[in-house]
């Protein structure tokens, strides 16, 4: 993800940006009043930040090219925690924190909420989160916990929007993740997967694997490969097992189209993606679809995500 507003830019970053992210975190947290116990962020090093950033788990705001704001995305099954959220003292009062919050909301389409931890000794910080719509929950002293509910569904109106949604999801995924895609013929499952592959940084050329059943798209960087499976013609979990996907599950991101009722046995933790046609009350649109079921007919689609953890 990359967006810009004037001289302010927001980048989605990984371990390669650890030095810049650490510099912002250090400056932001050192400028806060002394606390007891001290903020955990002050113990961070470029190495620990790099580990947390992984492939693309960070947001970095630049003002005039200089790093001034940052946040780490700590992805859980039920929420995404914003960690090390900070703005350089020289850039405070310029709307950088608000830009970060907006970028974080866009960066986590697969989750139903964002969560932050704030210190009660900093009422202005708590008020900032409350003003952004976060609601206070029972916390873990010395922290207060605040949570923001995110839209449960995403409406896309064309193939490019579907690819962009897939790309944002791909940036969140790590090796070992399993996605189960459901939707009628032409709903946009393969289009979504094309965007997901772009976010993962794998070799392009993703098409429907219907007649091949499964294709492996290798990473073009140090990220995980993408295993793309079409279960439409499979008779059940036994035939899926015959593909020997277990050999690659831990090292790759696995996407199974038509996987509902078939692919659940692949992993106790998976992301279920359901794509349906939007009903009249879902979205206001002036376009008229051709009715042939393809995403290119301009019929809006509703995309819903649900993380499942059976452990």
C-alpha atoms as a PDB file:
ATOM      1  CA  UNK A   1       0.000   0.000   0.000  1.00  0.00           C
ATOM      2  CA  UNK A   2       1.165   3.456  -0.783  1.00  0.00           C
ATOM      3  CA  UNK A   3      -0.783   6.679  -0.601  1.00  0.00           C
ATOM      4  CA  UNK A   4       0.095  10.298  -0.585  1.00  0.00           C
ATOM      5  CA  UNK A   5      -1.367  13.614   0.587  1.00  0.00           C
ATOM      6  CA  UNK A   6       0.845  16.568  -0.262  1.00  0.00           C
ATOM      7  CA  UNK A   7       4.328  15.867   1.056  1.00  0.00           C
ATOM      8  CA  UNK A   8       3.024  13.135   3.387  1.00  0.00           C
ATOM      9  CA  UNK A   9       3.382   9.551   2.158  1.00  0.00           C
ATOM     10  CA  UNK A  10       2.476   6.252   3.781  1.00  0.00           C
ATOM     11  CA  UNK A  11       4.354   3.066   2.932  1.00  0.00           C
ATOM     12  CA  UNK A  12       3.753  -0.558   3.804  1.00  0.00           C
ATOM     13  CA  UNK A  13       7.179  -1.792   4.956  1.00  0.00           C
ATOM     14  CA  UNK A  14       8.967  -4.887   6.165  1.00  0.00           C
ATOM     15  CA  UNK A  15      12.283  -5.701   7.816  1.00  0.00           C
ATOM     16  CA  UNK A  16      14.187  -3.694   5.210  1.00  0.00           C
ATOM     17  CA  UNK A  17      12.879  -0.503   6.892  1.00  0.00           C
ATOM     18  CA  UNK A  18      13.801  -1.517  10.449  1.00  0.00           C
ATOM     19  CA  UNK A  19      16.368   1.273  10.918  1.00  0.00           C
ATOM     20  CA  UNK A  20      13.925   4.034   9.947  1.00  0.00           C
ATOM     21  CA  UNK A  21      11.084   2.502  11.971  1.00  0.00           C
ATOM     22  CA  UNK A  22      13.297   2.091  15.046  1.00  0.00           C
ATOM     23  CA  UNK A  23      14.488   5.701  14.811  1.00  0.00           C
ATOM     24  CA  UNK A  24      10.896   6.975  14.861  1.00  0.00           C
ATOM     25  CA  UNK A  25       9.859   4.642  17.681  1.00  0.00           C
ATOM     26  CA  UNK A  26      12.851   5.655  19.775  1.00  0.00           C
ATOM     27  CA  UNK A  27      12.331   9.383  19.274  1.00  0.00           C
ATOM     28  CA  UNK A  28       8.571   9.196  19.877  1.00  0.00           C
ATOM     29  CA  UNK A  29       8.741   7.185  23.084  1.00  0.00           C
ATOM     30  CA  UNK A  30      11.748   9.027  24.519  1.00  0.00           C
ATOM     31  CA  UNK A  31       9.780  12.272  24.215  1.00  0.00           C
ATOM     32  CA  UNK A  32       7.030  10.964  26.493  1.00  0.00           C
ATOM     33  CA  UNK A  33       7.036  11.709  30.232  1.00  0.00           C
ATOM     34  CA  UNK A  34       8.898   9.162  32.398  1.00  0.00           C
ATOM     35  CA  UNK A  35       6.700   6.241  33.414  1.00  0.00           C
ATOM     36  CA  UNK A  36       6.834   3.396  35.898  1.00  0.00           C
ATOM     37  CA  UNK A  37       7.296   0.834  34.524  1.00  0.00           C
ATOM     38  CA  UNK A  38       9.060   2.326  31.470  1.00  0.00           C
ATOM     39  CA  UNK A  39       7.532   1.806  28.039  1.00  0.00           C
ATOM     40  CA  UNK A  40       8.513  -1.527  26.482  1.00  0.00           C
ATOM     41  CA  UNK A  41       9.221   0.338  23.240  1.00  0.00           C
ATOM     42  CA  UNK A  42      12.355   1.860  24.733  1.00  0.00           C
ATOM     43  CA  UNK A  43      13.944  -1.608  24.841  1.00  0.00           C
ATOM     44  CA  UNK A  44      13.509  -2.129  21.105  1.00  0.00           C
ATOM     45  CA  UNK A  45      16.520  -2.414  18.801  1.00  0.00           C
ATOM     46  CA  UNK A  46      16.696  -2.419  15.000  1.00  0.00           C
ATOM     47  CA  UNK A  47      16.988  -6.218  15.202  1.00  0.00           C
ATOM     48  CA  UNK A  48      13.844  -6.685  17.300  1.00  0.00           C
ATOM     49  CA  UNK A  49      11.956  -4.224  15.122  1.00  0.00           C
ATOM     50  CA  UNK A  50      13.065  -6.118  11.988  1.00  0.00           C
ATOM     51  CA  UNK A  51      11.729  -9.359  13.444  1.00  0.00           C
ATOM     52  CA  UNK A  52       8.351  -7.762  14.195  1.00  0.00           C
ATOM     53  CA  UNK A  53       8.145  -6.163  10.767  1.00  0.00           C
ATOM     54  CA  UNK A  54       8.681  -9.446   8.935  1.00  0.00           C
ATOM     55  CA  UNK A  55       7.793  -9.206   5.258  1.00  0.00           C
ATOM     56  CA  UNK A  56       5.257  -6.348   5.389  1.00  0.00           C
ATOM     57  CA  UNK A  57       3.913  -5.819   8.917  1.00  0.00           C
ATOM     58  CA  UNK A  58       4.741  -2.132   9.264  1.00  0.00           C
ATOM     59  CA  UNK A  59       3.438   1.295   8.299  1.00  0.00           C
ATOM     60  CA  UNK A  60       5.892   4.146   7.812  1.00  0.00           C
ATOM     61  CA  UNK A  61       4.867   7.760   7.275  1.00  0.00           C
ATOM     62  CA  UNK A  62       7.306  10.153   5.617  1.00  0.00           C
ATOM     63  CA  UNK A  63       7.052  13.935   5.644  1.00  0.00           C
ATOM     64  CA  UNK A  64       9.116  15.526   2.914  1.00  0.00           C
ATOM     65  CA  UNK A  65      10.893  12.188   2.530  1.00  0.00           C
ATOM     66  CA  UNK A  66      11.867  11.917   6.200  1.00  0.00           C
ATOM     67  CA  UNK A  67      10.423   9.128   8.398  1.00  0.00           C
ATOM     68  CA  UNK A  68       8.127  10.695  11.004  1.00  0.00           C
ATOM     69  CA  UNK A  69       5.474   8.145  11.977  1.00  0.00           C
ATOM     70  CA  UNK A  70       5.168   4.406  12.303  1.00  0.00           C
ATOM     71  CA  UNK A  71       3.092   1.493  13.540  1.00  0.00           C
ATOM     72  CA  UNK A  72       3.559  -2.275  13.616  1.00  0.00           C
ATOM     73  CA  UNK A  73       0.706  -4.609  12.678  1.00  0.00           C
ATOM     74  CA  UNK A  74       0.516  -7.513  15.132  1.00  0.00           C
ATOM     75  CA  UNK A  75      -1.923  -9.877  13.410  1.00  0.00           C
ATOM     76  CA  UNK A  76      -4.028 -12.131  15.615  1.00  0.00           C
ATOM     77  CA  UNK A  77      -6.993 -14.338  14.774  1.00  0.00           C
ATOM     78  CA  UNK A  78      -9.583 -12.026  16.325  1.00  0.00           C
ATOM     79  CA  UNK A  79      -7.979  -8.597  15.896  1.00  0.00           C
ATOM     80  CA  UNK A  80      -4.887  -6.708  14.754  1.00  0.00           C
ATOM     81  CA  UNK A  81      -2.919  -4.889  17.446  1.00  0.00           C
ATOM     82  CA  UNK A  82      -1.258  -1.605  16.561  1.00  0.00           C
ATOM     83  CA  UNK A  83       2.136  -1.747  18.257  1.00  0.00           C
ATOM     84  CA  UNK A  84       4.860   0.895  18.598  1.00  0.00           C
ATOM     85  CA  UNK A  85       2.471   3.535  17.289  1.00  0.00           C
ATOM     86  CA  UNK A  86       4.409   6.772  17.366  1.00  0.00           C
ATOM     87  CA  UNK A  87       5.072  10.133  15.741  1.00  0.00           C
ATOM     88  CA  UNK A  88       8.446  11.875  15.812  1.00  0.00           C
ATOM     89  CA  UNK A  89       8.332  14.916  18.140  1.00  0.00           C
ATOM     90  CA  UNK A  90       9.358  17.222  15.273  1.00  0.00           C
ATOM     91  CA  UNK A  91       6.264  16.192  13.287  1.00  0.00           C
ATOM     92  CA  UNK A  92       3.610  16.220  15.990  1.00  0.00           C
ATOM     93  CA  UNK A  93       0.602  18.431  15.440  1.00  0.00           C
ATOM     94  CA  UNK A  94       0.679  17.870  11.664  1.00  0.00           C
ATOM     95  CA  UNK A  95      -1.953  15.138  11.410  1.00  0.00           C
ATOM     96  CA  UNK A  96       0.544  12.281  11.100  1.00  0.00           C
ATOM     97  CA  UNK A  97      -1.201  10.167  13.758  1.00  0.00           C
ATOM     98  CA  UNK A  98      -4.526  10.471  11.937  1.00  0.00           C
ATOM     99  CA  UNK A  99      -2.860   9.445   8.669  1.00  0.00           C
ATOM    100  CA  UNK A 100      -1.467   6.370  10.431  1.00  0.00           C
ATOM    101  CA  UNK A 101      -4.871   5.345  11.764  1.00  0.00           C
ATOM    102  CA  UNK A 102      -6.460   5.687   8.316  1.00  0.00           C
ATOM    103  CA  UNK A 103      -3.656   3.635   6.765  1.00  0.00           C
ATOM    104  CA  UNK A 104      -4.015   0.941   9.432  1.00  0.00           C
ATOM    105  CA  UNK A 105      -7.749   0.585   8.757  1.00  0.00           C
ATOM    106  CA  UNK A 106      -7.055   0.147   5.035  1.00  0.00           C
ATOM    107  CA  UNK A 107      -4.238  -2.315   5.713  1.00  0.00           C
ATOM    108  CA  UNK A 108      -6.307  -4.920   7.579  1.00  0.00           C
ATOM    109  CA  UNK A 109      -9.369  -5.773   5.440  1.00  0.00           C
ATOM    110  CA  UNK A 110      -9.452  -9.353   6.765  1.00  0.00           C
ATOM    111  CA  UNK A 111     -10.135  -8.432  10.394  1.00  0.00           C
ATOM    112  CA  UNK A 112     -13.138  -7.130  12.276  1.00  0.00           C
ATOM    113  CA  UNK A 113     -11.240  -4.835  14.640  1.00  0.00           C
ATOM    114  CA  UNK A 114      -8.079  -2.900  15.445  1.00  0.00           C
ATOM    115  CA  UNK A 115      -6.772  -2.829  19.016  1.00  0.00           C
ATOM    116  CA  UNK A 116      -4.329  -0.495  20.763  1.00  0.00           C
ATOM    117  CA  UNK A 117      -2.867  -0.371  24.257  1.00  0.00           C
ATOM    118  CA  UNK A 118      -2.510   3.037  25.918  1.00  0.00           C
ATOM    119  CA  UNK A 119      -1.184   4.209  29.261  1.00  0.00           C
ATOM    120  CA  UNK A 120      -3.680   5.730  31.684  1.00  0.00           C
ATOM    121  CA  UNK A 121      -1.002   8.275  32.661  1.00  0.00           C
ATOM    122  CA  UNK A 122      -1.378   9.802  29.193  1.00  0.00           C
ATOM    123  CA  UNK A 123      -5.009  11.014  29.049  1.00  0.00           C
ATOM    124  CA  UNK A 124      -4.409  13.015  25.866  1.00  0.00           C
ATOM    125  CA  UNK A 125      -3.366   9.841  24.080  1.00  0.00           C
ATOM    126  CA  UNK A 126      -6.426   7.995  25.370  1.00  0.00           C
ATOM    127  CA  UNK A 127      -8.638  10.882  24.227  1.00  0.00           C
ATOM    128  CA  UNK A 128      -7.067  10.671  20.749  1.00  0.00           C
ATOM    129  CA  UNK A 129      -8.059   7.032  20.387  1.00  0.00           C
ATOM    130  CA  UNK A 130     -11.550   7.672  21.725  1.00  0.00           C
ATOM    131  CA  UNK A 131     -11.968  10.510  19.220  1.00  0.00           C
ATOM    132  CA  UNK A 132     -11.028   8.067  16.433  1.00  0.00           C
ATOM    133  CA  UNK A 133     -13.907   5.789  17.406  1.00  0.00           C
ATOM    134  CA  UNK A 134     -12.013   3.305  19.582  1.00  0.00           C
ATOM    135  CA  UNK A 135     -13.907   1.998  22.606  1.00  0.00           C
ATOM    136  CA  UNK A 136     -12.265   1.168  25.910  1.00  0.00           C
ATOM    137  CA  UNK A 137     -12.257  -2.451  27.059  1.00  0.00           C
ATOM    138  CA  UNK A 138     -10.944  -4.159  30.204  1.00  0.00           C
ATOM    139  CA  UNK A 139      -7.201  -3.630  30.045  1.00  0.00           C
ATOM    140  CA  UNK A 140      -4.007  -5.130  31.370  1.00  0.00           C
ATOM    141  CA  UNK A 141      -2.479  -2.687  33.866  1.00  0.00           C
ATOM    142  CA  UNK A 142      -0.593  -0.459  33.389  1.00  0.00           C
ATOM    143  CA  UNK A 143      -2.291  -0.388  29.978  1.00  0.00           C
ATOM    144  CA  UNK A 144      -5.777   0.481  28.832  1.00  0.00           C
ATOM    145  CA  UNK A 145      -7.076  -1.514  25.882  1.00  0.00           C
ATOM    146  CA  UNK A 146      -9.096   0.208  23.155  1.00  0.00           C
ATOM    147  CA  UNK A 147     -10.726  -1.407  20.153  1.00  0.00           C
ATOM    148  CA  UNK A 148     -12.126  -0.089  16.861  1.00  0.00           C
ATOM    149  CA  UNK A 149     -14.761  -2.135  15.021  1.00  0.00           C
ATOM    150  CA  UNK A 150     -14.054  -2.424  11.284  1.00  0.00           C
ATOM    151  CA  UNK A 151     -16.528  -3.006   8.433  1.00  0.00           C
ATOM    152  CA  UNK A 152     -17.462  -6.710   8.295  1.00  0.00           C
ATOM    153  CA  UNK A 153     -17.909  -6.673   4.520  1.00  0.00           C
ATOM    154  CA  UNK A 154     -16.238  -5.121   1.504  1.00  0.00           C
ATOM    155  CA  UNK A 155     -18.143  -4.144  -1.643  1.00  0.00           C
ATOM    156  CA  UNK A 156     -16.136  -4.148  -4.884  1.00  0.00           C
ATOM    157  CA  UNK A 157     -17.528  -2.976  -8.195  1.00  0.00           C
ATOM    158  CA  UNK A 158     -14.946  -4.135 -10.725  1.00  0.00           C
ATOM    159  CA  UNK A 159     -12.014  -6.468 -11.275  1.00  0.00           C
ATOM    160  CA  UNK A 160      -9.398  -3.856 -10.387  1.00  0.00           C
ATOM    161  CA  UNK A 161     -10.974  -3.257  -6.981  1.00  0.00           C
ATOM    162  CA  UNK A 162     -11.076  -7.023  -6.401  1.00  0.00           C
ATOM    163  CA  UNK A 163      -7.365  -7.310  -7.263  1.00  0.00           C
ATOM    164  CA  UNK A 164      -6.540  -4.397  -4.962  1.00  0.00           C
ATOM    165  CA  UNK A 165      -8.432  -6.053  -2.105  1.00  0.00           C
ATOM    166  CA  UNK A 166      -6.546  -9.284  -2.749  1.00  0.00           C
ATOM    167  CA  UNK A 167      -3.242  -7.404  -2.815  1.00  0.00           C
ATOM    168  CA  UNK A 168      -3.906  -5.853   0.602  1.00  0.00           C
ATOM    169  CA  UNK A 169      -4.748  -9.286   1.987  1.00  0.00           C
ATOM    170  CA  UNK A 170      -1.587 -10.757   0.454  1.00  0.00           C
ATOM    171  CA  UNK A 171       0.548  -8.242   2.335  1.00  0.00           C
ATOM    172  CA  UNK A 172      -0.853  -9.578   5.626  1.00  0.00           C
ATOM    173  CA  UNK A 173      -0.199 -13.255   4.959  1.00  0.00           C
ATOM    174  CA  UNK A 174       2.712 -15.393   6.086  1.00  0.00           C
ATOM    175  CA  UNK A 175       3.995 -18.876   5.298  1.00  0.00           C
ATOM    176  CA  UNK A 176       1.601 -21.499   6.592  1.00  0.00           C
ATOM    177  CA  UNK A 177      -1.571 -19.473   6.070  1.00  0.00           C
ATOM    178  CA  UNK A 178      -4.474 -21.265   4.372  1.00  0.00           C
ATOM    179  CA  UNK A 179      -7.323 -19.468   2.572  1.00  0.00           C
ATOM    180  CA  UNK A 180     -10.608 -21.114   1.614  1.00  0.00           C
ATOM    181  CA  UNK A 181     -12.434 -19.217  -1.164  1.00  0.00           C
ATOM    182  CA  UNK A 182     -16.157 -19.656  -1.799  1.00  0.00           C
ATOM    183  CA  UNK A 183     -18.372 -18.072  -4.447  1.00  0.00           C
ATOM    184  CA  UNK A 184     -20.354 -18.905  -7.552  1.00  0.00           C
ATOM    185  CA  UNK A 185     -18.810 -19.240 -10.995  1.00  0.00           C
ATOM    186  CA  UNK A 186     -17.460 -15.880 -12.119  1.00  0.00           C
ATOM    187  CA  UNK A 187     -17.693 -14.377  -8.632  1.00  0.00           C
ATOM    188  CA  UNK A 188     -14.097 -13.171  -8.782  1.00  0.00           C
ATOM    189  CA  UNK A 189     -12.189 -15.825  -6.805  1.00  0.00           C
ATOM    190  CA  UNK A 190      -9.342 -16.064  -9.302  1.00  0.00           C
ATOM    191  CA  UNK A 191      -9.257 -12.272  -9.729  1.00  0.00           C
ATOM    192  CA  UNK A 192      -8.931 -11.946  -5.963  1.00  0.00           C
ATOM    193  CA  UNK A 193      -6.127 -14.529  -5.994  1.00  0.00           C
ATOM    194  CA  UNK A 194      -4.287 -12.592  -8.708  1.00  0.00           C
ATOM    195  CA  UNK A 195      -4.189  -9.559  -6.428  1.00  0.00           C
ATOM    196  CA  UNK A 196      -3.204 -11.721  -3.488  1.00  0.00           C
ATOM    197  CA  UNK A 197      -0.261 -13.070  -5.487  1.00  0.00           C
ATOM    198  CA  UNK A 198       0.810  -9.506  -6.240  1.00  0.00           C
ATOM    199  CA  UNK A 199       0.745  -8.699  -2.529  1.00  0.00           C
ATOM    200  CA  UNK A 200       2.780 -11.805  -1.755  1.00  0.00           C
ATOM    201  CA  UNK A 201       5.287 -10.962  -4.489  1.00  0.00           C
ATOM    202  CA  UNK A 202       5.082 -14.262  -6.361  1.00  0.00           C
ATOM    203  CA  UNK A 203       5.622 -14.967 -10.034  1.00  0.00           C
ATOM    204  CA  UNK A 204       2.700 -13.481 -12.030  1.00  0.00           C
ATOM    205  CA  UNK A 205       0.449 -15.339 -14.409  1.00  0.00           C
ATOM    206  CA  UNK A 206      -2.176 -16.632 -11.977  1.00  0.00           C
ATOM    207  CA  UNK A 207      -5.125 -18.182 -13.818  1.00  0.00           C
ATOM    208  CA  UNK A 208      -7.852 -20.579 -12.814  1.00  0.00           C
ATOM    209  CA  UNK A 209      -6.212 -23.945 -12.028  1.00  0.00           C
ATOM    210  CA  UNK A 210      -9.400 -25.887 -12.872  1.00  0.00           C
ATOM    211  CA  UNK A 211      -7.794 -28.340 -15.274  1.00  0.00           C
ATOM    212  CA  UNK A 212      -4.435 -28.530 -13.481  1.00  0.00           C
ATOM    213  CA  UNK A 213      -6.070 -28.682  -9.991  1.00  0.00           C
ATOM    214  CA  UNK A 214      -3.038 -27.099  -8.303  1.00  0.00           C
ATOM    215  CA  UNK A 215      -0.288 -24.687  -9.334  1.00  0.00           C
ATOM    216  CA  UNK A 216       2.696 -23.375  -7.406  1.00  0.00           C
ATOM    217  CA  UNK A 217       3.702 -19.755  -7.970  1.00  0.00           C
ATOM    218  CA  UNK A 218       7.204 -19.236  -6.524  1.00  0.00           C
ATOM    219  CA  UNK A 219       8.142 -16.129  -4.604  1.00  0.00           C
ATOM    220  CA  UNK A 220      10.203 -13.520  -6.426  1.00  0.00           C
ATOM    221  CA  UNK A 221      11.722 -12.383  -3.117  1.00  0.00           C
ATOM    222  CA  UNK A 222      12.211 -14.010   0.267  1.00  0.00           C
ATOM    223  CA  UNK A 223       8.515 -14.431   0.943  1.00  0.00           C
ATOM    224  CA  UNK A 224       6.399 -17.595   0.798  1.00  0.00           C
ATOM    225  CA  UNK A 225       5.345 -19.297  -2.417  1.00  0.00           C
ATOM    226  CA  UNK A 226       1.672 -19.386  -3.383  1.00  0.00           C
ATOM    227  CA  UNK A 227      -0.053 -22.746  -3.859  1.00  0.00           C
ATOM    228  CA  UNK A 228      -3.259 -22.187  -5.843  1.00  0.00           C
ATOM    229  CA  UNK A 229      -5.759 -25.057  -5.764  1.00  0.00           C
ATOM    230  CA  UNK A 230      -9.149 -25.501  -7.457  1.00  0.00           C
ATOM    231  CA  UNK A 231     -11.265 -28.036  -5.573  1.00  0.00           C
ATOM    232  CA  UNK A 232     -14.254 -27.770  -7.942  1.00  0.00           C
ATOM    233  CA  UNK A 233     -13.704 -31.245  -9.404  1.00  0.00           C
ATOM    234  CA  UNK A 234     -12.449 -32.882  -6.226  1.00  0.00           C
ATOM    235  CA  UNK A 235     -14.709 -35.357  -4.516  1.00  0.00           C
ATOM    236  CA  UNK A 236     -13.663 -34.572  -0.969  1.00  0.00           C
ATOM    237  CA  UNK A 237     -10.822 -34.307   1.506  1.00  0.00           C
ATOM    238  CA  UNK A 238      -9.389 -37.672   0.417  1.00  0.00           C
ATOM    239  CA  UNK A 239      -8.785 -36.440  -3.139  1.00  0.00           C
ATOM    240  CA  UNK A 240      -7.357 -33.211  -1.750  1.00  0.00           C
ATOM    241  CA  UNK A 241      -4.972 -35.276   0.364  1.00  0.00           C
ATOM    242  CA  UNK A 242      -3.822 -37.041  -2.799  1.00  0.00           C
ATOM    243  CA  UNK A 243      -2.361 -33.713  -3.978  1.00  0.00           C
ATOM    244  CA  UNK A 244       0.166 -33.986  -1.109  1.00  0.00           C
ATOM    245  CA  UNK A 245      -0.270 -30.340  -0.132  1.00  0.00           C
ATOM    246  CA  UNK A 246       0.984 -31.085   3.386  1.00  0.00           C
ATOM    247  CA  UNK A 247       4.511 -31.028   1.998  1.00  0.00           C
ATOM    248  CA  UNK A 248       4.199 -27.308   1.215  1.00  0.00           C
ATOM    249  CA  UNK A 249       1.715 -25.989   3.784  1.00  0.00           C
ATOM    250  CA  UNK A 250       4.318 -24.752   6.256  1.00  0.00           C
ATOM    251  CA  UNK A 251       6.442 -23.000   3.625  1.00  0.00           C
ATOM    252  CA  UNK A 252       3.719 -21.526   1.408  1.00  0.00           C
ATOM    253  CA  UNK A 253       0.444 -19.624   1.431  1.00  0.00           C
ATOM    254  CA  UNK A 254      -2.241 -22.020   0.194  1.00  0.00           C
ATOM    255  CA  UNK A 255      -5.401 -20.771  -1.532  1.00  0.00           C
ATOM    256  CA  UNK A 256      -8.193 -23.263  -2.247  1.00  0.00           C
ATOM    257  CA  UNK A 257     -11.012 -22.155  -4.540  1.00  0.00           C
ATOM    258  CA  UNK A 258     -14.296 -24.034  -4.030  1.00  0.00           C
ATOM    259  CA  UNK A 259     -12.720 -25.198  -0.782  1.00  0.00           C
ATOM    260  CA  UNK A 260     -15.711 -25.035   1.588  1.00  0.00           C
ATOM    261  CA  UNK A 261     -16.470 -28.502   2.948  1.00  0.00           C
ATOM    262  CA  UNK A 262     -13.250 -29.856   1.443  1.00  0.00           C
ATOM    263  CA  UNK A 263     -10.233 -27.869   2.590  1.00  0.00           C
ATOM    264  CA  UNK A 264     -11.028 -27.368   6.282  1.00  0.00           C
ATOM    265  CA  UNK A 265      -8.854 -30.340   7.181  1.00  0.00           C
ATOM    266  CA  UNK A 266      -5.740 -28.651   5.814  1.00  0.00           C
ATOM    267  CA  UNK A 267      -5.321 -26.362   8.806  1.00  0.00           C
ATOM    268  CA  UNK A 268      -6.944 -25.646  12.157  1.00  0.00           C
ATOM    269  CA  UNK A 269      -6.353 -21.943  11.460  1.00  0.00           C
ATOM    270  CA  UNK A 270      -7.544 -20.570   8.147  1.00  0.00           C
ATOM    271  CA  UNK A 271      -9.044 -17.508   6.489  1.00  0.00           C
ATOM    272  CA  UNK A 272     -12.430 -18.149   4.926  1.00  0.00           C
ATOM    273  CA  UNK A 273     -13.272 -15.765   2.066  1.00  0.00           C
ATOM    274  CA  UNK A 274     -16.839 -15.649   0.747  1.00  0.00           C
ATOM    275  CA  UNK A 275     -17.699 -13.694  -2.412  1.00  0.00           C
ATOM    276  CA  UNK A 276     -21.350 -13.073  -3.305  1.00  0.00           C
ATOM    277  CA  UNK A 277     -23.312 -10.769  -5.564  1.00  0.00           C
ATOM    278  CA  UNK A 278     -24.379  -7.566  -3.835  1.00  0.00           C
ATOM    279  CA  UNK A 279     -28.104  -7.261  -3.193  1.00  0.00           C
ATOM    280  CA  UNK A 280     -30.011  -4.042  -3.702  1.00  0.00           C
ATOM    281  CA  UNK A 281     -29.471  -2.933  -0.112  1.00  0.00           C
ATOM    282  CA  UNK A 282     -25.737  -3.697  -0.151  1.00  0.00           C
ATOM    283  CA  UNK A 283     -24.581  -0.939  -2.468  1.00  0.00           C
ATOM    284  CA  UNK A 284     -25.983   1.867  -4.547  1.00  0.00           C
ATOM    285  CA  UNK A 285     -24.752   1.564  -8.141  1.00  0.00           C
ATOM    286  CA  UNK A 286     -25.693   3.014 -11.482  1.00  0.00           C
ATOM    287  CA  UNK A 287     -24.170   0.163 -13.481  1.00  0.00           C
ATOM    288  CA  UNK A 288     -26.049  -2.732 -14.997  1.00  0.00           C
ATOM    289  CA  UNK A 289     -24.529  -6.188 -15.149  1.00  0.00           C
ATOM    290  CA  UNK A 290     -24.749  -8.506 -18.126  1.00  0.00           C
ATOM    291  CA  UNK A 291     -25.950 -11.298 -15.881  1.00  0.00           C
ATOM    292  CA  UNK A 292     -23.365 -13.791 -17.118  1.00  0.00           C
ATOM    293  CA  UNK A 293     -21.835 -14.253 -13.645  1.00  0.00           C
ATOM    294  CA  UNK A 294     -18.394 -12.818 -14.459  1.00  0.00           C
ATOM    295  CA  UNK A 295     -16.834 -10.050 -12.400  1.00  0.00           C
ATOM    296  CA  UNK A 296     -16.402  -8.023 -15.568  1.00  0.00           C
ATOM    297  CA  UNK A 297     -20.205  -7.669 -15.839  1.00  0.00           C
ATOM    298  CA  UNK A 298     -19.862  -4.801 -13.316  1.00  0.00           C
ATOM    299  CA  UNK A 299     -22.262  -6.387 -10.850  1.00  0.00           C
ATOM    300  CA  UNK A 300     -20.909  -5.396  -7.422  1.00  0.00           C
ATOM    301  CA  UNK A 301     -19.601  -8.168  -5.201  1.00  0.00           C
ATOM    302  CA  UNK A 302     -19.626  -8.463  -1.419  1.00  0.00           C
ATOM    303  CA  UNK A 303     -16.458  -9.984   0.043  1.00  0.00           C
ATOM    304  CA  UNK A 304     -16.570 -11.282   3.608  1.00  0.00           C
ATOM    305  CA  UNK A 305     -13.620 -12.557   5.648  1.00  0.00           C
ATOM    306  CA  UNK A 306     -13.647 -14.832   8.672  1.00  0.00           C
ATOM    307  CA  UNK A 307     -10.574 -16.108  10.478  1.00  0.00           C
ATOM    308  CA  UNK A 308     -11.219 -19.557  11.936  1.00  0.00           C
ATOM    309  CA  UNK A 309      -9.038 -21.025  14.681  1.00  0.00           C
ATOM    310  CA  UNK A 310     -10.058 -24.491  15.879  1.00  0.00           C
ATOM    311  CA  UNK A 311      -7.164 -24.996  18.279  1.00  0.00           C
END
